[in-house]
Protein backbone atom coordinates (compact mmCIF):
# COMPACT_ATOMS: atom_id res chain seq x y z
CA MET A 1 0.05 0.09 -0.60
CA CYS A 2 2.70 2.10 0.90
CA ASP A 3 4.67 1.53 -2.70
CA TYR A 4 1.83 2.63 -4.32
CA LEU A 5 1.06 6.00 -2.27
CA GLU A 6 4.59 6.84 -3.05
CA ALA A 7 4.11 6.24 -6.16
CA VAL A 8 1.03 8.63 -6.41
CA THR A 9 3.24 11.45 -4.45
CA ASP A 10 5.79 10.84 -6.95
CA GLY A 11 3.33 11.54 -9.85
CA ARG A 12 3.35 8.11 -11.58
CA ILE A 13 -0.42 7.28 -10.55
CA LYS A 14 -2.72 9.97 -10.89
CA ARG A 15 -5.76 8.03 -9.78
CA LEU A 16 -5.45 4.81 -7.30
CA ARG A 17 -8.04 2.32 -5.61
CA ILE A 18 -7.29 0.58 -2.75
CA HIS A 19 -9.97 -2.25 -1.58
CA ILE A 20 -8.93 -3.71 1.85
CA PRO A 21 -10.80 -5.41 4.54
CA PRO A 22 -12.01 -3.49 7.45
CA ARG A 23 -9.35 -2.72 10.54
CA HIS A 24 -6.38 -3.47 8.55
CA MET A 25 -4.85 -0.05 8.91
CA LYS A 26 -6.38 1.56 5.68
CA SER A 27 -7.42 4.90 7.36
CA ARG A 28 -3.94 5.08 9.63
CA ILE A 29 -1.78 5.10 6.28
CA VAL A 30 -3.55 6.87 3.68
CA SER A 31 -5.46 9.40 5.59
CA VAL A 32 -3.72 9.74 8.79
CA PHE A 33 0.18 9.12 8.01
CA TRP A 34 0.40 9.84 4.81
CA PRO A 35 -0.33 13.63 4.22
CA ILE A 36 1.99 14.62 7.41
CA TRP A 37 4.58 12.50 5.10
CA MET A 38 3.62 14.71 1.78
CA TRP A 39 4.10 17.76 3.81
CA LEU A 40 7.57 16.81 4.61
CA ARG A 41 8.33 16.63 0.89
CA SER A 42 5.95 19.22 0.10
CA PRO A 43 4.82 21.58 2.79
CA SER A 44 2.74 23.95 0.73
CA PHE A 45 0.74 20.62 -0.43
CA ARG A 46 -3.16 21.40 0.09
CA TRP A 47 -5.51 18.57 0.80
CA LEU A 48 -9.16 17.65 0.34
CA SER A 49 -10.53 14.49 2.53
CA TYR A 50 -13.74 12.81 2.46
CA SER A 51 -15.61 10.58 3.94
CA TYR A 52 -18.88 9.17 4.16
CA SER A 53 -19.88 11.52 7.06
CA ALA A 54 -17.95 14.57 8.32
CA ASP A 55 -17.56 13.31 11.83
CA LEU A 56 -15.46 10.51 10.59
CA ALA A 57 -13.15 12.78 8.07
CA THR A 58 -12.68 14.99 10.87
CA GLN A 59 -11.62 11.76 13.15
CA HIS A 60 -9.22 11.16 10.55
CA ALA A 61 -7.74 14.90 9.70
CA LEU A 62 -7.68 15.45 14.07
CA ASP A 63 -5.28 12.19 14.25
CA SER A 64 -2.92 13.84 11.46
CA ARG A 65 -3.12 17.11 13.76
CA ARG A 66 -2.71 15.62 16.62
CA VAL A 67 0.77 13.83 15.25
CA LEU A 68 1.80 17.07 13.72
CA ALA A 69 1.49 19.43 17.51
CA SER A 70 2.80 16.03 19.39
CA ASP A 71 6.77 16.95 21.01
CA TRP A 72 7.87 13.74 19.35
CA PHE A 73 7.23 15.01 15.64
CA ARG A 74 7.63 18.57 16.85
CA SER A 75 11.55 17.73 18.14
CA LEU A 76 12.03 15.94 14.63
CA TRP A 77 10.59 18.69 12.12
CA PRO A 78 10.47 21.73 13.93
CA GLU A 79 10.45 23.75 10.81
CA LEU A 80 6.88 22.51 10.27
CA VAL A 81 3.80 23.95 12.39
CA LEU A 82 0.50 24.58 12.41
CA THR A 83 -0.86 28.23 12.54
CA GLY A 84 -2.94 29.39 15.42
CA ASP A 85 -5.11 31.63 12.90
CA GLN A 86 -6.54 28.61 10.86
CA ASN A 87 -6.35 25.31 13.16
CA THR A 88 -9.74 23.77 13.46
CA LYS A 89 -10.52 20.53 13.71
CA SER A 90 -12.02 20.19 10.01
CA HIS A 91 -9.70 22.69 8.63
CA TYR A 92 -6.09 23.66 8.95
CA GLU A 93 -2.91 25.07 8.04
CA ASN A 94 0.92 24.81 7.74
CA ASN A 95 3.40 27.89 7.89
CA HIS A 96 4.09 27.04 4.52
CA GLY A 97 0.56 26.99 3.05
CA GLY A 98 0.02 23.94 3.25
CA SER A 99 -3.92 22.83 3.90
CA ARG A 100 -5.98 20.27 4.79
CA ARG A 101 -9.86 20.36 5.02
CA ALA A 102 -12.46 17.46 5.74
CA GLY A 103 -15.56 16.91 4.80
CA SER A 104 -18.51 14.50 3.94
CA MET A 105 -19.00 13.13 0.64
CA ARG A 106 -22.28 15.07 0.31
CA GLY A 107 -21.62 18.76 0.81
CA GLY A 108 -18.79 18.88 3.27
CA ILE A 109 -16.49 21.39 1.14
CA THR A 110 -17.98 23.59 -1.16
CA GLY A 111 -16.41 25.79 -3.14
CA PHE A 112 -12.72 24.56 -2.25
CA GLY A 113 -10.12 23.25 -4.22
CA GLY A 114 -6.99 20.68 -3.27
CA ASP A 115 -4.12 19.92 -5.07
CA GLY A 116 -4.66 16.01 -3.71
CA ILE A 117 -8.03 14.17 -2.82
CA ILE A 118 -8.21 11.21 -0.38
CA ILE A 119 -11.78 9.89 -0.06
CA ASP A 120 -11.71 7.34 2.82
CA ASP A 121 -15.17 4.80 3.15
CA PRO A 122 -17.11 7.01 0.86
CA HIS A 123 -20.30 4.71 1.96
CA ASP A 124 -21.49 3.92 5.01
CA ALA A 125 -22.11 -0.05 5.51
CA SER A 126 -25.56 0.39 6.97
CA GLY A 127 -26.69 2.45 4.26
CA ALA A 128 -24.85 0.94 0.85
CA GLU A 129 -28.26 -1.22 0.46
CA SER A 130 -30.12 1.77 -0.15
CA ASP A 131 -30.46 2.45 -3.64
CA ALA A 132 -31.16 5.96 -2.97
CA GLU A 133 -28.15 6.43 -0.38
CA ARG A 134 -26.03 4.98 -2.57
CA ASN A 135 -26.58 7.01 -5.91
CA GLU A 136 -26.93 10.11 -3.75
CA THR A 137 -22.81 9.76 -2.65
CA LEU A 138 -22.10 8.33 -6.48
CA GLU A 139 -23.94 11.81 -7.85
CA ALA A 140 -21.53 13.58 -4.91
CA TYR A 141 -18.21 12.18 -6.91
CA ARG A 142 -19.49 13.23 -9.89
CA LEU A 143 -20.45 16.96 -9.86
CA GLY A 144 -18.81 17.82 -6.41
CA VAL A 145 -15.68 15.81 -5.47
CA SER A 146 -13.94 14.97 -8.84
CA THR A 147 -14.15 18.37 -9.95
CA ARG A 148 -12.43 19.73 -7.11
CA LEU A 149 -8.50 19.47 -8.07
CA ASN A 150 -6.75 22.81 -8.37
CA ASP A 151 -4.76 21.57 -11.33
CA PRO A 152 -6.47 18.79 -12.96
CA LYS A 153 -3.56 17.46 -14.82
CA GLN A 154 -1.15 16.93 -11.92
CA GLY A 155 -3.67 16.54 -8.91
CA PHE A 156 -4.22 12.75 -8.06
CA ILE A 157 -7.63 10.90 -6.12
CA VAL A 158 -7.23 8.15 -4.01
CA LEU A 159 -10.21 5.91 -3.27
CA VAL A 160 -9.42 3.88 -0.17
CA MET A 161 -12.58 1.58 1.11
CA GLN A 162 -13.99 -2.04 1.44
CA ARG A 163 -16.08 -3.22 -1.39
CA LEU A 164 -20.00 -3.34 0.00
CA HIS A 165 -21.86 -3.23 -2.98
CA GLU A 166 -21.72 -4.21 -6.74
CA GLN A 167 -23.05 -0.69 -7.18
CA ASP A 168 -20.62 1.07 -4.94
CA LEU A 169 -18.24 3.98 -5.80
CA ALA A 170 -15.48 1.55 -6.79
CA GLY A 171 -18.17 -0.61 -8.73
CA TYR A 172 -19.24 2.73 -10.45
CA LEU A 173 -15.53 3.42 -11.31
CA GLU A 174 -14.53 0.06 -12.59
CA GLU A 175 -17.63 0.48 -15.22
CA GLU A 176 -17.22 4.13 -16.26
CA GLU A 177 -13.83 4.89 -15.73
CA PRO A 178 -12.00 1.27 -16.00
CA ASP A 179 -8.68 3.11 -17.61
CA ALA A 180 -8.01 5.79 -15.29
CA TRP A 181 -7.57 3.91 -12.48
CA ALA A 182 -4.82 2.05 -10.99
CA SER A 183 -6.28 -0.77 -8.32
CA VAL A 184 -4.83 -2.40 -5.42
CA VAL A 185 -7.23 -5.15 -4.11
CA PHE A 186 -6.12 -7.16 -1.16
CA PRO A 187 -8.35 -9.93 -0.12
CA ALA A 188 -8.33 -11.19 3.53
CA GLU A 189 -7.96 -14.66 2.50
CA TYR A 190 -5.50 -15.03 -0.85
CA ASP A 191 -7.62 -15.94 -4.01
CA GLY A 192 -5.13 -17.25 -6.06
CA GLU A 193 -5.43 -14.17 -8.42
CA ARG A 194 -2.69 -13.05 -9.63
CA ARG A 195 -3.20 -9.14 -10.00
CA ARG A 196 -1.50 -6.61 -11.51
CA THR A 197 -0.63 -2.56 -12.21
CA PRO A 198 1.48 -0.93 -14.61
CA LEU A 199 3.84 -1.20 -11.34
CA GLY A 200 3.43 -4.85 -11.61
CA GLU A 201 2.32 -7.36 -9.21
CA TYR A 202 2.02 -6.71 -5.48
CA ASP A 203 0.12 -9.31 -4.03
CA TRP A 204 3.23 -11.41 -1.94
CA ARG A 205 1.12 -14.06 -1.19
CA TYR A 206 0.67 -17.43 -3.31
CA LYS A 207 -0.99 -19.69 -0.88
CA GLU A 208 -4.75 -20.18 -1.59
CA GLY A 209 -6.30 -18.94 1.68
CA GLU A 210 -3.13 -17.40 2.94
CA LEU A 211 -3.88 -14.50 5.73
CA LEU A 212 -3.44 -10.52 4.48
CA TRP A 213 -2.51 -9.97 8.66
CA PRO A 214 -2.29 -12.89 10.44
CA GLU A 215 -0.73 -11.51 13.23
CA ARG A 216 -3.79 -9.68 14.11
CA TYR A 217 -6.43 -11.72 12.16
CA GLY A 218 -5.95 -15.03 12.35
CA PRO A 219 -8.03 -18.25 11.22
CA VAL A 220 -10.35 -17.64 14.36
CA GLU A 221 -10.39 -13.95 13.83
CA ILE A 222 -11.35 -14.39 10.03
CA ALA A 223 -13.85 -17.41 11.09
CA ASN A 224 -15.64 -15.19 13.50
CA LEU A 225 -15.94 -12.08 11.10
CA LYS A 226 -17.35 -14.54 8.27
CA LYS A 227 -19.99 -16.01 10.91
CA SER A 228 -21.02 -12.07 11.51
CA LEU A 229 -20.87 -11.05 7.83
CA LYS A 230 -22.04 -14.15 6.69
CA GLY A 231 -21.55 -15.00 2.71
CA TYR A 232 -22.97 -11.47 1.32
CA GLY A 233 -20.44 -9.34 3.61
CA GLU A 234 -17.54 -11.61 3.37
CA ALA A 235 -17.77 -11.96 -0.58
CA GLY A 236 -17.69 -7.71 -0.08
CA GLN A 237 -15.99 -6.61 2.87
CA LEU A 238 -13.19 -9.15 3.28
CA GLN A 239 -12.45 -10.87 -0.22
CA GLN A 240 -13.51 -7.41 -2.03
CA ARG A 241 -15.83 -9.26 -4.71
CA PRO A 242 -19.17 -7.83 -3.91
CA VAL A 243 -22.43 -9.57 -4.88
CA SER A 244 -25.83 -9.19 -5.24
CA ARG A 245 -27.42 -10.07 -1.55
CA ARG A 246 -29.74 -12.51 -3.57
CA GLY A 247 -26.97 -14.18 -4.80
CA GLY A 248 -26.87 -12.56 -8.46
CA MET A 249 -28.00 -15.42 -11.27
CA ILE A 250 -29.31 -17.96 -8.36
CA ASP A 251 -30.80 -17.91 -5.29
CA VAL A 252 -30.01 -21.02 -3.76
CA ALA A 253 -33.22 -20.97 -1.98
CA TRP A 254 -34.69 -22.47 -5.11
CA LEU A 255 -32.58 -25.74 -4.93
CA LYS A 256 -33.92 -28.55 -2.74
CA VAL A 257 -31.86 -31.21 -1.11
CA LEU A 258 -32.53 -34.67 -1.27
CA PRO A 259 -31.26 -37.87 1.04
CA ALA A 260 -30.55 -40.09 -1.44
CA LYS A 261 -30.26 -40.14 -5.16
CA PRO A 262 -34.06 -40.97 -6.83
CA ALA A 263 -34.29 -44.18 -9.20
CA GLY A 264 -34.99 -44.20 -12.81
CA VAL A 265 -32.47 -40.94 -13.89
CA LEU A 266 -30.35 -40.90 -16.80
CA TRP A 267 -27.18 -39.53 -15.48
CA VAL A 268 -23.53 -37.96 -17.45
CA ARG A 269 -20.77 -37.06 -15.15
CA ALA A 270 -19.30 -33.87 -16.05
CA TRP A 271 -16.33 -32.52 -15.60
CA ASP A 272 -14.69 -28.37 -15.22
CA PHE A 273 -10.85 -28.91 -15.75
CA ALA A 274 -8.83 -26.27 -14.23
CA GLY A 275 -6.43 -24.47 -16.52
CA THR A 276 -3.15 -24.53 -14.30
CA GLU A 277 -1.76 -26.41 -11.31
CA GLY A 278 -2.28 -23.98 -8.36
CA GLY A 279 -3.87 -21.35 -10.24
CA GLY A 280 -6.84 -20.14 -8.84
CA ASP A 281 -9.00 -22.56 -10.64
CA HIS A 282 -10.49 -26.07 -9.02
CA THR A 283 -11.34 -29.28 -11.17
CA ALA A 284 -15.05 -30.26 -10.37
CA GLY A 285 -16.75 -33.25 -11.36
CA LEU A 286 -20.65 -33.61 -10.62
CA LEU A 287 -23.05 -36.04 -11.66
CA VAL A 288 -26.30 -34.34 -13.44
CA GLY A 289 -29.34 -36.22 -14.19
CA GLU A 290 -32.72 -35.85 -15.39
CA ASP A 291 -35.69 -38.31 -14.66
CA GLU A 292 -38.48 -39.05 -17.35
CA GLU A 293 -40.53 -36.16 -15.89
CA GLY A 294 -37.73 -33.73 -16.40
CA ARG A 295 -36.42 -33.40 -13.20
CA ILE A 296 -32.83 -32.25 -13.00
CA TYR A 297 -30.80 -34.02 -9.91
CA LEU A 298 -26.59 -33.20 -9.13
CA ALA A 299 -25.04 -35.44 -6.90
CA ASP A 300 -21.66 -36.50 -6.05
CA GLY A 301 -19.58 -33.68 -6.52
CA ILE A 302 -15.85 -33.67 -6.64
CA TYR A 303 -13.31 -30.56 -6.37
CA GLY A 304 -9.96 -29.97 -5.85
CA GLN A 305 -6.77 -28.24 -7.14
CA TRP A 306 -4.44 -30.56 -8.80
CA GLY A 307 -1.63 -31.05 -11.38
CA PRO A 308 -2.03 -32.52 -14.66
CA GLY A 309 -1.44 -36.06 -13.52
CA GLU A 310 -3.52 -35.73 -10.31
CA VAL A 311 -6.43 -34.86 -12.14
CA GLU A 312 -6.51 -37.84 -14.75
CA LEU A 313 -5.95 -40.17 -11.72
CA VAL A 314 -8.99 -38.41 -10.16
CA LEU A 315 -10.43 -38.97 -13.52
CA HIS A 316 -10.00 -42.47 -14.02
CA GLN A 317 -10.88 -43.44 -10.44
CA THR A 318 -14.27 -41.50 -10.45
CA ALA A 319 -14.75 -43.09 -13.48
CA MET A 320 -14.44 -46.46 -11.63
CA ILE A 321 -16.53 -45.51 -8.76
CA ASP A 322 -19.05 -44.22 -11.47
CA GLY A 323 -19.16 -47.14 -13.34
CA GLN A 324 -19.42 -47.88 -17.33
CA ASP A 325 -23.08 -47.35 -17.36
CA ILE A 326 -22.38 -43.50 -16.66
CA PRO A 327 -21.24 -41.63 -19.53
CA ILE A 328 -18.56 -38.91 -19.28
CA ARG A 329 -18.76 -34.87 -20.42
CA ILE A 330 -15.11 -33.40 -20.57
CA PRO A 331 -14.49 -30.02 -21.73
CA GLN A 332 -12.09 -29.81 -24.71
CA ASP A 333 -9.57 -26.90 -25.37
CA PRO A 334 -10.13 -25.66 -29.23
CA ALA A 335 -6.22 -25.91 -29.90
CA GLN A 336 -4.38 -28.53 -31.16
CA ALA A 337 -3.02 -29.48 -28.14
CA GLY A 338 -6.61 -29.74 -26.30
CA LYS A 339 -7.70 -32.25 -29.15
CA SER A 340 -4.75 -34.23 -28.33
CA GLN A 341 -5.55 -34.53 -24.61
CA VAL A 342 -8.96 -35.83 -25.31
CA PHE A 343 -7.89 -38.09 -27.69
CA GLN A 344 -5.60 -39.68 -24.64
CA MET A 345 -8.04 -39.28 -22.62
CA VAL A 346 -10.67 -41.45 -24.43
CA THR A 347 -8.17 -44.05 -25.73
CA ARG A 348 -5.87 -44.28 -22.69
CA LEU A 349 -7.32 -43.39 -19.51
CA LEU A 350 -11.10 -44.11 -20.32
CA ARG A 351 -11.45 -46.74 -22.73
CA GLY A 352 -14.54 -48.58 -22.63
CA TRP A 353 -16.58 -45.36 -20.94
CA THR A 354 -18.82 -43.43 -23.24
CA VAL A 355 -17.13 -40.11 -23.54
CA TRP A 356 -17.98 -36.52 -24.63
CA ALA A 357 -15.64 -34.07 -25.18
CA GLU A 358 -17.06 -30.35 -26.19
CA LEU A 359 -15.99 -27.20 -26.90
CA ASN A 360 -17.61 -24.70 -24.12
CA ASN A 361 -18.95 -22.06 -26.29
CA GLY A 362 -20.45 -18.91 -24.94
CA SER A 363 -20.27 -17.18 -21.40
CA LYS A 364 -20.63 -18.46 -18.28
CA ILE A 365 -23.67 -17.03 -17.96
CA THR A 366 -24.83 -18.11 -21.30
CA ARG A 367 -23.76 -21.60 -20.41
CA ALA A 368 -25.86 -21.75 -17.09
CA THR A 369 -28.75 -20.12 -18.11
CA GLY A 370 -30.91 -23.11 -19.37
CA TRP A 371 -30.40 -25.41 -15.78
CA VAL A 372 -31.07 -21.75 -13.76
CA SER A 373 -34.07 -21.39 -15.53
CA GLN A 374 -35.02 -24.89 -14.29
CA ALA A 375 -33.87 -24.00 -10.73
CA ARG A 376 -36.04 -20.88 -10.61
CA VAL A 377 -38.97 -22.96 -11.49
CA GLY A 378 -38.07 -25.59 -8.34
CA ASN A 379 -36.84 -28.06 -10.89
CA VAL A 380 -33.51 -29.03 -10.22
CA TYR A 381 -32.57 -31.12 -6.97
CA LEU A 382 -29.41 -31.38 -5.04
CA VAL A 383 -28.41 -34.96 -3.30
CA ALA A 384 -26.99 -34.53 0.11
CA GLY A 385 -23.55 -34.57 0.53
CA PRO A 386 -20.29 -33.32 1.55
CA TRP A 387 -19.91 -31.17 -1.86
CA VAL A 388 -23.23 -29.78 -1.05
CA SER A 389 -21.87 -27.05 1.04
CA ASP A 390 -19.32 -25.85 -1.46
CA PHE A 391 -21.96 -26.28 -4.24
CA MET A 392 -23.93 -23.69 -2.68
CA GLY A 393 -21.32 -21.20 -1.74
CA GLU A 394 -20.37 -21.07 -5.63
CA ALA A 395 -24.03 -20.87 -6.66
CA ARG A 396 -24.64 -17.88 -3.80
CA MET A 397 -21.99 -15.88 -5.50
CA PHE A 398 -22.40 -16.46 -9.01
CA PRO A 399 -21.74 -14.87 -11.47
CA ARG A 400 -19.63 -12.46 -9.15
CA GLY A 401 -17.49 -15.12 -6.85
CA LYS A 402 -14.06 -15.82 -7.62
CA LYS A 403 -15.03 -19.59 -7.91
CA ASP A 404 -17.27 -21.23 -10.39
CA ASP A 405 -16.22 -24.59 -11.33
CA TYR A 406 -18.89 -26.89 -10.08
CA ILE A 407 -21.44 -24.10 -11.77
CA ASP A 408 -19.72 -24.79 -15.29
CA ALA A 409 -19.40 -28.37 -14.63
CA VAL A 410 -23.79 -28.24 -13.89
CA SER A 411 -23.73 -26.42 -17.24
CA ALA A 412 -21.69 -28.76 -19.24
CA GLY A 413 -23.52 -31.90 -18.16
CA PHE A 414 -27.33 -30.28 -18.18
CA ASP A 415 -25.82 -29.44 -21.76
CA GLU A 416 -25.08 -33.05 -22.53
CA LEU A 417 -28.30 -34.24 -21.27
CA THR A 418 -30.20 -31.57 -23.55
CA LYS A 419 -28.24 -32.72 -26.59
CA ARG A 420 -28.91 -36.22 -26.35
CA GLY A 421 -32.71 -35.79 -25.90
CA GLY A 422 -32.65 -35.90 -22.03
CA GLY A 423 -34.97 -37.95 -19.97
CA GLY A 424 -37.82 -35.36 -19.85
CA ALA A 425 -41.41 -35.62 -21.07
CA GLY A 426 -40.91 -33.44 -23.55
CA SER A 427 -37.70 -34.58 -25.17
CA GLY A 428 -39.16 -36.99 -27.71
CA LEU A 429 -37.68 -40.43 -26.38
CA SER A 430 -40.36 -42.91 -26.08
CA LYS A 431 -40.09 -45.27 -22.48
CA ASP A 432 -37.71 -47.75 -24.59
CA ASP A 433 -35.45 -45.32 -26.49
CA TYR A 434 -35.22 -43.97 -22.47
CA GLU A 435 -34.46 -47.05 -20.79
CA ARG A 436 -32.05 -47.58 -23.54
CA PHE A 437 -30.46 -44.47 -23.74
CA SER A 438 -29.43 -44.74 -19.71
CA GLY A 439 -29.35 -48.58 -19.86
CA ARG A 440 -26.56 -50.76 -18.62
CA GLU A 441 -24.78 -51.93 -21.86
CA PRO A 442 -22.80 -49.07 -23.21
CA GLN A 443 -21.21 -49.63 -26.67
CA SER A 444 -17.53 -49.78 -26.19
CA THR A 445 -15.51 -46.78 -26.56
CA GLY A 446 -13.21 -48.59 -28.80
CA ASP A 447 -15.62 -49.63 -31.28
CA ALA A 448 -16.73 -45.60 -31.80
CA LEU A 449 -13.03 -44.22 -32.13
CA ASP A 450 -12.30 -46.52 -35.00
CA ARG A 451 -15.33 -45.55 -36.77
CA TYR A 452 -14.46 -41.45 -36.07
CA LEU A 453 -10.78 -42.22 -37.20
CA ARG A 454 -11.95 -44.13 -40.54
CA ASP A 455 -14.20 -40.82 -41.65
CA PRO A 456 -11.95 -38.88 -43.43
CA LYS A 457 -13.58 -35.60 -42.50
CA ASN A 458 -12.61 -36.40 -39.01
CA ASP A 459 -8.75 -36.60 -40.42
CA ARG A 460 -6.86 -35.44 -37.15
CA ARG A 461 -4.59 -33.60 -39.17
CA GLU A 462 -6.44 -31.09 -40.55
CA GLY A 463 -8.34 -30.51 -37.41
CA GLY A 464 -11.60 -29.21 -36.97
CA LYS A 465 -13.91 -26.72 -35.40
CA GLY A 466 -16.23 -28.89 -33.11
CA GLY A 467 -15.79 -30.90 -30.68
CA LEU A 468 -14.68 -34.70 -30.85
CA ARG A 469 -16.87 -36.73 -29.86
CA TRP A 470 -17.22 -40.42 -28.83
CA ASN A 471 -20.96 -42.10 -28.07
CA ARG A 472 -22.97 -44.84 -27.94
CA GLY A 473 -24.00 -45.12 -31.83
CA ARG A 474 -22.93 -42.16 -32.50
CA THR A 475 -19.72 -40.11 -34.14
């Protein structure tokens, strides 16, 4: 954080957003100590500092003034003193012409300009859910705060805050001024994302789940905060990834949990593979099923961060447990290497199973729309198991959450069931067709592969636009 404040001081950054959990020294560093440090370099600098309330902005300014007036400070820097004719809690000046004014976002400082602006917590946490209050703050920034720089070319604005809402001031700036701001984000628990600014990477953590300040907020303290904030507050205030309180696209209240798998369900094991080992994404596999009435079922989730060799081992072991009567859907990378990977999986790792490999077309949201529509009308059921908690966490945050591996797996499985006709009443399958399609004697993957390779249009040397597909009686 201090490195970036120095970059602002030196003129390398003109707009800086810092997002960090509460009680992690953000206000002490940015609003109390940094203005003093700046005065020691440029004593004539004129500050404007804002917060959601005049009381909080004044408190920050007062804390700085107390440092400036302390015997310790005056003994080290006697040349910098506060003037006697202008020295109040919210407005004071020094003997070199420097000044500081503090006020609220909504009308606290009118008619005055500054060389630099600090916005520290523009929203009250208790009011961030109010569209009216939030929009008043955004309007205050647009029409007031953003226009207060004495020199728009040389001046700077620093925003420091915990995220409270998708459409808070930080969210507005992300959408309306994405290229103007350098963004420094510190989640309480490291989430695996390697974030960069023009100055390079800044988060020193590499292990997912590593705490930001374990000496102050260790595992017990973070766990207590999570209980207090719950999923919504945790995502915003702790992890700096706010989502809609209703969970964005999915309301988990739509999802029903059953104690055991029902009979008469057509199942497919769908996988979503992580891009790289330890890269933040996880590999996830789910059984996705549909019965003759069109009800959708999710069961037996598998989830973890594994390297390529470990993924193959998990894939094979899971296939052995599921049995050869459960077809498998895997994603295919569009590059030639992805086709080669699929070929190896089908011919070596999963020989004897029915395997479908498909490109993931469209956005994550688009791919999820089909089964989410089913969930919305109460037509998606989860089979109880240890995996359900993680799945619910992803569903609650989708599409704004960091993790969506289970969601992608469900989307792939639902897509496969839909393409194959499913088992629902509107699928066009007779009862005999349904029983045969979901039966216990799948065609050998090797036979289907032989036919696939004999077909000239599937010459692997030329590649292809579609997914490689092996299934019962279809190539």
